[in-house]
N, C-alpha and C. Protein backbone atom coordinates (compact mmCIF):
# COMPACT_ATOMS: atom_id res chain seq x y z
N MET A 1 74.83 115.77 102.79
CA MET A 1 74.48 114.52 103.10
C MET A 1 75.85 113.70 103.00
N LYS A 2 76.09 113.00 104.17
CA LYS A 2 77.41 112.21 104.30
C LYS A 2 77.20 111.01 103.54
N ILE A 3 78.26 110.63 102.71
CA ILE A 3 78.18 109.31 101.84
C ILE A 3 78.86 108.29 102.66
N ASP A 4 78.23 107.08 102.69
CA ASP A 4 78.88 105.78 103.35
C ASP A 4 79.47 105.04 102.23
N LEU A 5 80.85 105.12 102.17
CA LEU A 5 81.62 104.35 101.12
C LEU A 5 81.56 102.83 101.33
N LYS A 6 81.25 102.40 102.52
CA LYS A 6 81.22 100.98 102.65
C LYS A 6 79.97 100.49 102.01
N LYS A 7 78.75 101.14 102.01
CA LYS A 7 77.70 100.66 101.32
C LYS A 7 77.82 100.92 99.75
N GLN A 8 78.45 101.86 99.27
CA GLN A 8 78.64 101.93 97.90
C GLN A 8 79.49 100.93 97.39
N SER A 9 80.53 100.47 98.03
CA SER A 9 81.33 99.37 97.36
C SER A 9 80.63 97.97 97.38
N GLY A 10 79.79 97.81 98.49
CA GLY A 10 79.02 96.58 98.58
C GLY A 10 79.83 95.30 99.04
N THR A 11 81.11 95.48 99.31
CA THR A 11 81.96 94.31 99.67
C THR A 11 82.65 94.32 101.06
N TYR A 12 82.03 95.18 101.91
CA TYR A 12 82.52 95.51 103.23
C TYR A 12 81.75 94.75 104.31
N THR A 13 80.99 93.80 104.00
CA THR A 13 80.27 93.00 104.83
C THR A 13 80.39 91.56 104.67
N ALA A 14 80.51 90.76 105.66
CA ALA A 14 80.63 89.32 105.57
C ALA A 14 80.01 88.61 106.86
N VAL A 15 79.85 87.35 106.81
CA VAL A 15 79.18 86.64 107.84
C VAL A 15 80.21 85.68 108.62
N ARG A 16 80.07 85.82 109.93
CA ARG A 16 80.99 84.86 110.76
C ARG A 16 80.74 83.43 110.41
N GLY A 17 81.70 82.67 110.21
CA GLY A 17 81.47 81.24 109.93
C GLY A 17 81.16 80.82 108.60
N ARG A 18 81.05 81.73 107.66
CA ARG A 18 80.69 81.51 106.22
C ARG A 18 81.75 82.14 105.28
N PHE A 19 82.18 81.39 104.35
CA PHE A 19 83.13 81.91 103.35
C PHE A 19 82.08 82.30 102.14
N SER A 20 82.36 83.57 101.51
CA SER A 20 81.67 83.93 100.46
C SER A 20 82.64 84.43 99.25
N VAL A 21 82.10 84.13 97.98
CA VAL A 21 82.89 84.60 96.86
C VAL A 21 82.27 85.92 96.39
N VAL A 22 83.05 86.94 96.34
CA VAL A 22 82.64 88.27 96.00
C VAL A 22 83.38 88.75 94.73
N THR A 23 83.10 89.76 94.06
CA THR A 23 83.78 90.43 93.11
C THR A 23 84.00 91.85 93.72
N VAL A 24 85.34 92.21 94.12
CA VAL A 24 85.50 93.59 94.59
C VAL A 24 85.90 94.60 93.55
N PRO A 25 85.13 95.63 93.48
CA PRO A 25 85.34 96.73 92.48
C PRO A 25 86.75 97.33 92.52
N GLU A 26 87.17 97.91 91.51
CA GLU A 26 88.34 98.81 91.62
C GLU A 26 88.11 99.95 92.52
N LEU A 27 89.07 100.17 93.47
CA LEU A 27 88.68 101.27 94.47
C LEU A 27 90.02 101.96 94.62
N GLN A 28 89.96 103.26 95.27
CA GLN A 28 91.11 104.09 95.47
C GLN A 28 91.52 104.18 96.90
N PHE A 29 92.80 104.03 97.28
CA PHE A 29 93.26 104.05 98.51
C PHE A 29 94.56 104.83 98.77
N LEU A 30 94.68 105.29 100.11
CA LEU A 30 95.84 105.80 100.60
C LEU A 30 96.65 104.49 101.10
N MET A 31 97.96 104.46 100.68
CA MET A 31 98.78 103.34 100.93
C MET A 31 100.12 103.57 101.53
N ILE A 32 100.55 102.83 102.40
CA ILE A 32 102.05 102.87 102.94
C ILE A 32 102.54 101.51 103.01
N ASP A 33 103.84 101.21 102.64
CA ASP A 33 104.31 99.94 102.59
C ASP A 33 105.30 99.78 103.75
N GLY A 34 105.37 98.51 104.32
CA GLY A 34 106.43 98.34 105.20
C GLY A 34 106.59 96.82 105.56
N HIS A 35 107.50 96.49 106.54
CA HIS A 35 107.87 95.10 106.82
C HIS A 35 108.00 94.92 108.30
N GLY A 36 107.69 93.72 108.85
CA GLY A 36 107.88 93.42 110.11
C GLY A 36 106.69 93.26 111.07
N ASP A 37 106.79 92.79 112.29
CA ASP A 37 105.84 92.59 113.24
C ASP A 37 105.08 93.82 113.55
N PRO A 38 103.75 93.92 113.31
CA PRO A 38 102.95 95.12 113.60
C PRO A 38 102.98 95.51 115.02
N ASN A 39 103.39 94.62 115.93
CA ASN A 39 103.37 94.99 117.34
C ASN A 39 104.51 95.54 117.75
N THR A 40 105.69 95.56 117.10
CA THR A 40 106.94 95.84 117.52
C THR A 40 107.62 96.84 116.46
N SER A 41 107.18 96.89 115.17
CA SER A 41 107.82 97.50 114.13
C SER A 41 107.59 99.17 114.34
N ARG A 42 108.88 99.79 114.24
CA ARG A 42 108.68 101.21 114.30
C ARG A 42 107.92 101.67 112.91
N ALA A 43 108.22 100.96 111.88
CA ALA A 43 107.68 101.33 110.56
C ALA A 43 106.21 101.37 110.64
N TYR A 44 105.67 100.31 111.12
CA TYR A 44 104.17 100.08 111.28
C TYR A 44 103.55 101.37 112.08
N GLU A 45 104.27 101.55 113.13
CA GLU A 45 103.83 102.64 114.13
C GLU A 45 103.72 103.95 113.40
N ASP A 46 104.81 104.31 112.63
CA ASP A 46 104.94 105.48 111.83
C ASP A 46 103.81 105.60 110.72
N ALA A 47 103.62 104.40 110.14
CA ALA A 47 102.47 104.34 109.09
C ALA A 47 101.16 104.82 109.72
N LEU A 48 100.93 104.15 110.81
CA LEU A 48 99.53 104.34 111.45
C LEU A 48 99.54 105.99 111.83
N LYS A 49 100.62 106.46 112.38
CA LYS A 49 100.63 107.92 112.79
C LYS A 49 100.48 108.82 111.54
N THR A 50 100.55 108.22 110.29
CA THR A 50 100.56 108.99 109.09
C THR A 50 99.31 109.01 108.34
N ILE A 51 98.79 107.62 108.20
CA ILE A 51 97.64 107.38 107.28
C ILE A 51 96.36 108.03 107.79
N TYR A 52 96.26 108.02 109.10
CA TYR A 52 95.04 108.66 109.72
C TYR A 52 94.91 110.19 109.50
N PRO A 53 96.07 110.93 109.85
CA PRO A 53 96.01 112.28 109.60
C PRO A 53 95.71 112.79 108.14
N VAL A 54 96.31 111.94 107.31
CA VAL A 54 96.02 112.33 105.82
C VAL A 54 94.54 111.96 105.55
N ALA A 55 94.03 110.79 106.05
CA ALA A 55 92.68 110.30 105.70
C ALA A 55 91.66 111.28 106.09
N TYR A 56 91.76 111.84 107.39
CA TYR A 56 90.80 112.81 108.06
C TYR A 56 91.02 114.19 107.29
N LYS A 57 92.31 114.65 107.03
CA LYS A 57 92.47 115.84 106.26
C LYS A 57 91.81 115.83 104.98
N LEU A 58 91.84 114.57 104.15
CA LEU A 58 91.23 114.57 103.12
C LEU A 58 89.72 114.62 103.11
N LYS A 59 89.07 114.11 104.04
CA LYS A 59 87.56 114.14 104.40
C LYS A 59 87.25 115.66 104.50
N PHE A 60 87.98 116.28 105.37
CA PHE A 60 87.50 117.68 105.76
C PHE A 60 87.85 118.54 104.48
N PHE A 61 88.82 118.18 103.76
CA PHE A 61 89.14 119.03 102.45
C PHE A 61 87.89 118.92 101.50
N SER A 62 87.48 117.53 101.40
CA SER A 62 86.42 117.24 100.41
C SER A 62 85.15 117.91 101.02
N LYS A 63 84.90 117.96 102.20
CA LYS A 63 83.56 118.53 102.64
C LYS A 63 83.73 120.07 102.52
N GLY A 64 84.81 120.63 102.88
CA GLY A 64 84.95 122.08 102.91
C GLY A 64 85.14 122.69 101.35
N GLU A 65 86.04 122.05 100.69
CA GLU A 65 86.47 122.67 99.30
C GLU A 65 85.58 122.08 98.27
N LEU A 66 85.01 120.86 98.35
CA LEU A 66 84.48 120.20 97.18
C LEU A 66 82.87 120.02 97.58
N GLY A 67 82.52 120.25 98.80
CA GLY A 67 81.07 120.17 99.20
C GLY A 67 80.66 118.59 99.19
N ARG A 68 81.43 117.72 99.36
CA ARG A 68 81.24 116.30 99.31
C ARG A 68 81.67 115.77 100.60
N ASP A 69 80.76 115.25 101.54
CA ASP A 69 81.25 114.72 102.79
C ASP A 69 81.10 113.26 102.69
N TYR A 70 82.00 112.47 103.46
CA TYR A 70 81.89 111.02 103.52
C TYR A 70 82.43 110.63 104.90
N SER A 71 82.20 109.44 105.19
CA SER A 71 82.61 108.84 106.42
C SER A 71 83.98 108.29 106.15
N VAL A 72 85.05 108.63 107.08
CA VAL A 72 86.34 107.85 106.92
C VAL A 72 86.24 106.54 107.09
N MET A 73 86.88 105.78 106.27
CA MET A 73 86.74 104.25 106.19
C MET A 73 87.67 103.66 107.12
N PRO A 74 87.40 102.37 107.52
CA PRO A 74 88.28 101.63 108.45
C PRO A 74 89.60 101.42 108.03
N LEU A 75 90.51 101.22 108.79
CA LEU A 75 92.00 100.78 108.35
C LEU A 75 91.93 99.40 107.75
N GLU A 76 92.74 99.23 106.82
CA GLU A 76 92.87 98.04 106.10
C GLU A 76 94.32 97.64 105.86
N ALA A 77 94.64 96.42 105.46
CA ALA A 77 96.07 96.07 105.33
C ALA A 77 96.15 94.88 104.45
N LEU A 78 97.17 94.91 103.46
CA LEU A 78 97.49 93.73 102.75
C LEU A 78 98.69 93.04 103.53
N TRP A 79 98.80 91.76 103.57
CA TRP A 79 99.75 91.05 104.16
C TRP A 79 100.33 89.90 103.44
N TRP A 80 101.62 89.78 103.31
CA TRP A 80 102.19 88.56 102.59
C TRP A 80 103.59 88.33 103.02
N ALA A 81 104.09 87.14 102.70
CA ALA A 81 105.40 86.58 103.07
C ALA A 81 105.85 85.62 102.11
N ASP A 82 107.19 85.40 102.01
CA ASP A 82 107.64 84.33 101.14
C ASP A 82 106.97 83.07 101.38
N ASP A 83 106.62 82.83 102.59
CA ASP A 83 106.07 81.45 102.99
C ASP A 83 104.74 81.78 103.56
N MET A 84 103.64 81.48 102.89
CA MET A 84 102.43 81.80 103.35
C MET A 84 101.86 81.08 104.72
N ASP A 85 102.66 80.02 105.06
CA ASP A 85 102.42 79.40 106.32
C ASP A 85 102.61 80.41 107.41
N SER A 86 103.34 81.52 107.32
CA SER A 86 103.61 82.46 108.19
C SER A 86 102.38 83.08 108.88
N PHE A 87 101.27 82.96 108.05
CA PHE A 87 99.88 83.49 108.51
C PHE A 87 99.05 82.42 109.10
N THR A 88 99.45 81.13 108.99
CA THR A 88 98.43 80.15 109.34
C THR A 88 99.23 79.30 110.60
N ALA A 89 100.08 78.46 110.31
CA ALA A 89 100.68 77.55 111.22
C ALA A 89 101.68 78.29 111.95
N ALA A 90 102.67 79.07 111.32
CA ALA A 90 103.86 79.53 112.19
C ALA A 90 103.46 80.85 112.74
N ARG A 91 102.68 81.82 112.08
CA ARG A 91 102.34 83.11 112.68
C ARG A 91 103.55 83.78 112.92
N ASP A 92 104.62 83.70 112.09
CA ASP A 92 105.99 84.53 112.46
C ASP A 92 105.88 85.91 111.79
N LYS A 93 105.36 86.71 112.65
CA LYS A 93 105.04 88.01 112.28
C LYS A 93 106.40 88.96 111.88
N SER A 94 107.48 88.48 112.29
CA SER A 94 108.66 89.12 111.80
C SER A 94 109.00 88.97 110.43
N ARG A 95 108.34 88.01 109.80
CA ARG A 95 108.73 87.72 108.27
C ARG A 95 107.54 88.40 107.46
N TRP A 96 106.60 89.13 107.91
CA TRP A 96 105.55 89.62 107.25
C TRP A 96 105.80 90.97 106.49
N ASP A 97 105.48 91.11 105.28
CA ASP A 97 105.44 92.37 104.57
C ASP A 97 103.95 93.02 104.63
N TRP A 98 103.74 94.11 104.52
CA TRP A 98 102.39 94.75 104.57
C TRP A 98 102.30 96.14 103.86
N THR A 99 101.06 96.27 103.62
CA THR A 99 100.66 97.53 102.93
C THR A 99 99.48 98.13 103.95
N LEU A 100 99.69 99.14 104.59
CA LEU A 100 98.39 99.78 105.21
C LEU A 100 97.63 100.63 104.31
N MET A 101 96.37 100.54 104.38
CA MET A 101 95.57 101.12 103.47
C MET A 101 94.35 101.79 103.97
N ASN A 102 93.80 102.84 103.32
CA ASN A 102 92.58 103.53 103.70
C ASN A 102 91.86 103.89 102.52
N MET A 103 90.59 103.51 102.26
CA MET A 103 89.99 103.73 100.96
C MET A 103 89.35 105.12 101.07
N VAL A 104 89.59 105.78 99.93
CA VAL A 104 89.01 107.22 99.67
C VAL A 104 88.19 107.24 98.51
N PRO A 105 87.22 108.15 98.36
CA PRO A 105 86.41 108.19 97.24
C PRO A 105 87.02 108.55 95.89
N ASP A 106 86.32 108.12 94.80
CA ASP A 106 86.91 108.34 93.42
C ASP A 106 87.18 109.71 92.99
N TRP A 107 86.25 110.63 93.64
CA TRP A 107 86.39 111.96 93.30
C TRP A 107 87.71 112.66 93.88
N ILE A 108 88.37 112.00 94.85
CA ILE A 108 89.66 112.70 95.19
C ILE A 108 90.64 112.39 94.17
N THR A 109 91.36 113.61 93.82
CA THR A 109 92.33 113.48 92.65
C THR A 109 93.75 113.51 93.10
N CYS A 110 94.69 113.25 92.43
CA CYS A 110 96.15 113.41 92.90
C CYS A 110 96.49 114.81 93.27
N GLU A 111 95.86 115.86 92.73
CA GLU A 111 96.12 117.24 93.12
C GLU A 111 95.45 117.52 94.43
N HIS A 112 94.28 116.93 94.83
CA HIS A 112 93.79 117.06 96.17
C HIS A 112 94.59 116.46 97.06
N PHE A 113 95.09 115.13 96.66
CA PHE A 113 96.00 114.35 97.68
C PHE A 113 97.15 115.27 98.05
N GLU A 114 97.85 115.84 97.03
CA GLU A 114 99.13 116.54 97.14
C GLU A 114 98.85 117.77 98.02
N THR A 115 97.71 118.37 97.87
CA THR A 115 97.42 119.58 98.64
C THR A 115 97.25 119.15 100.06
N VAL A 116 96.71 118.13 100.32
CA VAL A 116 96.37 117.67 101.73
C VAL A 116 97.64 117.30 102.34
N VAL A 117 98.65 116.49 101.62
CA VAL A 117 99.84 116.04 102.16
C VAL A 117 100.72 117.25 102.46
N ASP A 118 100.74 118.32 101.65
CA ASP A 118 101.51 119.42 102.10
C ASP A 118 100.98 120.02 103.30
N ALA A 119 99.67 120.10 103.56
CA ALA A 119 99.01 120.68 104.72
C ALA A 119 99.40 119.80 105.96
N VAL A 120 99.33 118.46 105.78
CA VAL A 120 99.71 117.68 107.01
C VAL A 120 101.16 117.76 107.21
N GLY A 121 102.06 117.94 106.23
CA GLY A 121 103.45 118.14 106.55
C GLY A 121 103.73 119.41 107.17
N ARG A 122 103.04 120.47 106.95
CA ARG A 122 103.32 121.75 107.62
C ARG A 122 102.92 121.65 109.02
N LYS A 123 101.91 120.88 109.40
CA LYS A 123 101.50 120.67 110.80
C LYS A 123 102.40 119.79 111.54
N GLY A 124 103.03 118.85 110.96
CA GLY A 124 103.97 117.90 111.51
C GLY A 124 103.26 116.65 112.12
N GLY A 125 104.24 115.73 112.82
CA GLY A 125 103.55 114.61 113.44
C GLY A 125 103.29 113.58 112.55
N ALA A 126 103.62 113.56 111.29
CA ALA A 126 103.28 112.37 110.39
C ALA A 126 104.51 111.77 109.90
N PRO A 127 105.22 110.91 110.64
CA PRO A 127 106.64 110.44 110.30
C PRO A 127 106.71 109.76 109.02
N ALA A 128 105.80 109.06 108.44
CA ALA A 128 105.81 108.47 107.15
C ALA A 128 105.28 109.08 106.11
N LEU A 129 105.28 110.47 106.01
CA LEU A 129 104.50 111.21 104.98
C LEU A 129 105.14 111.06 103.66
N ASP A 130 106.53 110.91 103.52
CA ASP A 130 107.05 110.71 102.25
C ASP A 130 106.68 109.23 101.63
N ALA A 131 106.09 108.33 102.36
CA ALA A 131 105.96 107.01 101.99
C ALA A 131 104.48 106.97 101.50
N VAL A 132 103.63 107.75 101.90
CA VAL A 132 102.20 107.55 101.65
C VAL A 132 101.83 107.94 100.22
N ARG A 133 101.05 107.24 99.59
CA ARG A 133 100.64 107.46 98.15
C ARG A 133 99.19 107.23 97.94
N LEU A 134 98.58 107.71 96.88
CA LEU A 134 97.30 107.52 96.50
C LEU A 134 97.38 106.48 95.21
N GLU A 135 96.60 105.38 95.41
CA GLU A 135 96.67 104.50 94.23
C GLU A 135 95.39 103.65 94.08
N ARG A 136 95.03 103.16 92.87
CA ARG A 136 93.81 102.39 92.59
C ARG A 136 94.24 101.07 92.79
N PHE A 137 93.29 100.17 93.21
CA PHE A 137 93.55 98.81 93.54
C PHE A 137 92.38 98.05 93.11
N ASP A 138 92.64 97.06 92.16
CA ASP A 138 91.55 96.33 91.54
C ASP A 138 91.82 94.81 91.95
N GLU A 139 91.03 94.51 93.00
CA GLU A 139 91.24 93.18 93.59
C GLU A 139 90.43 91.98 92.85
N GLY A 140 89.18 92.26 92.40
CA GLY A 140 88.49 91.47 91.63
C GLY A 140 87.90 90.34 92.55
N LEU A 141 87.81 89.09 91.83
CA LEU A 141 87.25 87.82 92.45
C LEU A 141 88.14 87.54 93.81
N SER A 142 87.31 87.42 95.04
CA SER A 142 87.86 87.21 96.15
C SER A 142 86.97 86.35 97.06
N VAL A 143 87.50 85.56 97.94
CA VAL A 143 86.82 85.03 99.09
C VAL A 143 86.91 85.67 100.44
N GLN A 144 86.05 85.83 101.01
CA GLN A 144 85.96 86.71 102.39
C GLN A 144 85.06 86.03 103.45
N THR A 145 85.45 86.32 104.60
CA THR A 145 84.59 85.96 105.89
C THR A 145 84.80 86.99 106.95
N LEU A 146 83.98 86.91 107.93
CA LEU A 146 84.10 87.88 109.08
C LEU A 146 84.71 86.98 110.35
N HIS A 147 85.84 87.47 110.84
CA HIS A 147 86.49 86.91 112.06
C HIS A 147 86.07 87.72 113.15
N VAL A 148 85.63 87.09 114.25
CA VAL A 148 85.34 87.87 115.43
C VAL A 148 86.35 87.23 116.58
N GLY A 149 87.15 88.08 117.09
CA GLY A 149 88.14 87.65 118.19
C GLY A 149 89.46 88.31 117.96
N SER A 150 90.39 87.71 118.67
CA SER A 150 91.81 88.38 118.70
C SER A 150 92.51 88.14 117.23
N TYR A 151 93.31 89.14 116.70
CA TYR A 151 93.94 88.90 115.51
C TYR A 151 94.97 87.64 115.48
N ASP A 152 95.35 87.19 116.70
CA ASP A 152 96.08 86.01 116.76
C ASP A 152 95.33 84.78 116.70
N ASP A 153 94.13 84.83 116.77
CA ASP A 153 93.24 83.73 116.62
C ASP A 153 92.68 83.48 115.17
N GLU A 154 93.19 84.19 114.24
CA GLU A 154 92.87 84.11 112.86
C GLU A 154 93.35 82.82 112.10
N ALA A 155 94.40 82.36 112.71
CA ALA A 155 95.03 81.27 111.97
C ALA A 155 94.13 80.00 111.58
N PRO A 156 93.31 79.53 112.41
CA PRO A 156 92.47 78.37 111.98
C PRO A 156 91.56 78.77 110.84
N VAL A 157 91.01 80.04 110.93
CA VAL A 157 90.10 80.43 109.80
C VAL A 157 90.89 80.56 108.48
N LEU A 158 91.93 81.21 108.59
CA LEU A 158 92.74 81.29 107.31
C LEU A 158 93.14 80.03 106.78
N ASP A 159 93.52 79.07 107.72
CA ASP A 159 93.82 77.72 107.22
C ASP A 159 92.73 77.16 106.48
N GLU A 160 91.61 77.19 107.03
CA GLU A 160 90.33 76.64 106.39
C GLU A 160 90.03 77.30 105.06
N MET A 161 90.28 78.55 105.06
CA MET A 161 89.98 79.27 103.76
C MET A 161 91.01 78.93 102.82
N HIS A 162 92.42 78.84 103.01
CA HIS A 162 93.38 78.64 102.14
C HIS A 162 93.44 77.30 101.67
N HIS A 163 93.24 76.28 102.55
CA HIS A 163 93.47 74.92 102.28
C HIS A 163 92.34 73.94 102.16
N ARG A 164 91.12 74.56 102.51
CA ARG A 164 89.84 73.83 102.24
C ARG A 164 88.82 74.31 101.31
N PHE A 165 88.39 75.63 101.65
CA PHE A 165 87.34 76.22 100.98
C PHE A 165 87.74 76.58 99.57
N ILE A 166 89.00 77.27 99.45
CA ILE A 166 89.38 77.68 97.99
C ILE A 166 89.63 76.43 97.15
N PRO A 167 90.39 75.51 97.62
CA PRO A 167 90.59 74.41 96.54
C PRO A 167 89.33 73.59 96.38
N ASP A 168 88.51 73.35 97.34
CA ASP A 168 87.32 72.60 97.22
C ASP A 168 86.26 73.35 96.34
N ASN A 169 86.52 74.56 96.04
CA ASN A 169 85.73 75.24 95.15
C ASN A 169 86.27 75.69 93.81
N SER A 170 87.28 74.86 93.41
CA SER A 170 88.05 75.01 92.14
C SER A 170 88.63 76.38 91.97
N LEU A 171 89.14 76.92 93.09
CA LEU A 171 89.73 78.18 92.91
C LEU A 171 91.23 78.18 93.53
N ARG A 172 92.01 79.13 93.11
CA ARG A 172 93.32 79.19 93.44
C ARG A 172 93.64 80.77 93.91
N MET A 173 94.46 80.72 94.93
CA MET A 173 94.86 82.05 95.46
C MET A 173 95.74 82.88 94.50
N THR A 174 95.56 84.20 94.31
CA THR A 174 96.24 84.87 93.36
C THR A 174 96.83 86.20 93.89
N GLY A 175 96.51 86.60 94.98
CA GLY A 175 96.83 87.98 95.48
C GLY A 175 97.24 87.83 96.94
N LYS A 176 97.42 89.04 97.60
CA LYS A 176 97.77 89.11 98.98
C LYS A 176 96.52 89.06 99.86
N HIS A 177 96.93 88.41 101.08
CA HIS A 177 96.00 88.40 102.03
C HIS A 177 95.53 89.83 102.52
N HIS A 178 94.21 89.98 102.68
CA HIS A 178 93.65 91.38 102.86
C HIS A 178 92.76 91.35 104.18
N GLU A 179 93.04 92.29 105.00
CA GLU A 179 92.28 92.49 106.31
C GLU A 179 91.57 93.79 106.33
N VAL A 180 90.40 93.96 106.78
CA VAL A 180 89.72 95.15 107.00
C VAL A 180 89.26 95.19 108.57
N TYR A 181 89.79 96.15 109.25
CA TYR A 181 89.46 96.15 110.67
C TYR A 181 88.32 97.05 111.02
N LEU A 182 87.19 96.31 111.14
CA LEU A 182 85.86 96.98 111.39
C LEU A 182 85.81 97.40 112.74
N SER A 183 86.71 96.92 113.70
CA SER A 183 86.69 97.49 114.99
C SER A 183 87.82 98.28 115.49
N ASP A 184 87.76 99.13 116.47
CA ASP A 184 88.85 99.94 116.91
C ASP A 184 89.58 99.26 118.03
N PRO A 185 90.56 98.65 117.94
CA PRO A 185 91.31 97.98 119.05
C PRO A 185 91.62 98.68 120.28
N ARG A 186 91.59 99.96 120.26
CA ARG A 186 91.66 100.82 121.39
C ARG A 186 90.54 100.88 122.19
N ARG A 187 89.36 100.47 121.60
CA ARG A 187 88.05 100.57 122.32
C ARG A 187 87.34 99.25 122.45
N THR A 188 87.85 98.20 122.02
CA THR A 188 87.20 97.02 121.75
C THR A 188 88.03 95.92 122.42
N ALA A 189 87.39 94.95 123.19
CA ALA A 189 88.00 93.87 123.91
C ALA A 189 88.62 92.83 122.79
N PRO A 190 89.72 92.27 122.93
CA PRO A 190 90.38 91.43 121.84
C PRO A 190 89.32 90.33 121.31
N ASP A 191 88.53 89.81 122.26
CA ASP A 191 87.53 88.59 121.91
C ASP A 191 86.28 89.27 121.12
N LYS A 192 86.14 90.57 121.03
CA LYS A 192 85.11 91.16 120.39
C LYS A 192 85.55 91.92 119.11
N LEU A 193 86.81 91.84 118.69
CA LEU A 193 87.25 92.55 117.59
C LEU A 193 86.65 91.81 116.27
N LYS A 194 85.97 92.69 115.35
CA LYS A 194 85.56 92.28 114.16
C LYS A 194 86.52 92.57 112.92
N THR A 195 86.91 91.60 112.14
CA THR A 195 87.87 91.72 111.12
C THR A 195 87.44 91.00 109.79
N LEU A 196 87.33 91.76 108.79
CA LEU A 196 86.94 91.13 107.48
C LEU A 196 88.19 90.47 106.91
N LEU A 197 88.25 89.14 106.74
CA LEU A 197 89.37 88.55 106.08
C LEU A 197 89.13 88.27 104.62
N ARG A 198 89.98 88.56 103.69
CA ARG A 198 89.67 88.48 102.33
C ARG A 198 91.05 87.95 101.59
N GLN A 199 90.65 87.02 100.63
CA GLN A 199 91.83 86.53 99.71
C GLN A 199 91.26 86.41 98.39
N PRO A 200 92.14 87.21 97.60
CA PRO A 200 91.82 87.28 96.11
C PRO A 200 92.08 85.93 95.47
N VAL A 201 91.32 85.46 94.46
CA VAL A 201 91.29 84.08 93.95
C VAL A 201 91.01 84.14 92.48
N ALA A 202 91.40 83.15 91.72
CA ALA A 202 91.02 82.94 90.37
C ALA A 202 90.45 81.46 90.14
N ARG A 203 89.55 81.30 89.24
CA ARG A 203 89.09 80.02 89.00
C ARG A 203 90.15 79.11 88.32
N ILE A 204 90.18 77.88 88.71
CA ILE A 204 91.27 77.08 88.35
C ILE A 204 90.96 76.80 86.72
N GLY A 205 92.03 77.05 85.95
CA GLY A 205 92.02 77.00 84.46
C GLY A 205 91.95 78.36 83.77
N GLN A 206 91.83 79.38 84.74
CA GLN A 206 91.79 80.69 84.19
C GLN A 206 92.96 81.60 84.64
């Protein structure tokens, strides 16, 4: 039986036009760090060419060697910059830092990961293999919503989240902007793209 990791975590759904406060459990991810405009950065392209082969090889390893099958999760990314207006008003992508992520189940161990990385390396074609890591990530209290449309049209939604909803609800931002790409941009028109937008927060005074 194939396991749906999105349903297990319970925080991979959101409603368009509505901000919700959720508590994200500690989860395990493949991660690759980088910097620069995702549309032009060679590092971003190399990260994409690496994280997917490792993610799918892990899935098939788990199914074949461990007898536990699961659906590969959608791509995710953390985004940040010295000036957070880079995400809202300015949208200056050249100033962005990022971590590409793909969630994997808790039963995947460091040994399993290393076995798979070796196998992917022998096959070739994964240019950022030395940069990929397996890491747990505890995001905790967060605000999230569903954005439908082009990635470049996120700015008004993020501005409302950062400067209205969060302070109006006695919250403050604590972590990096998080996006979950629920649609495949290669097969989906820009105005139909579905992206979960998430911002870790803490209650003011805590």
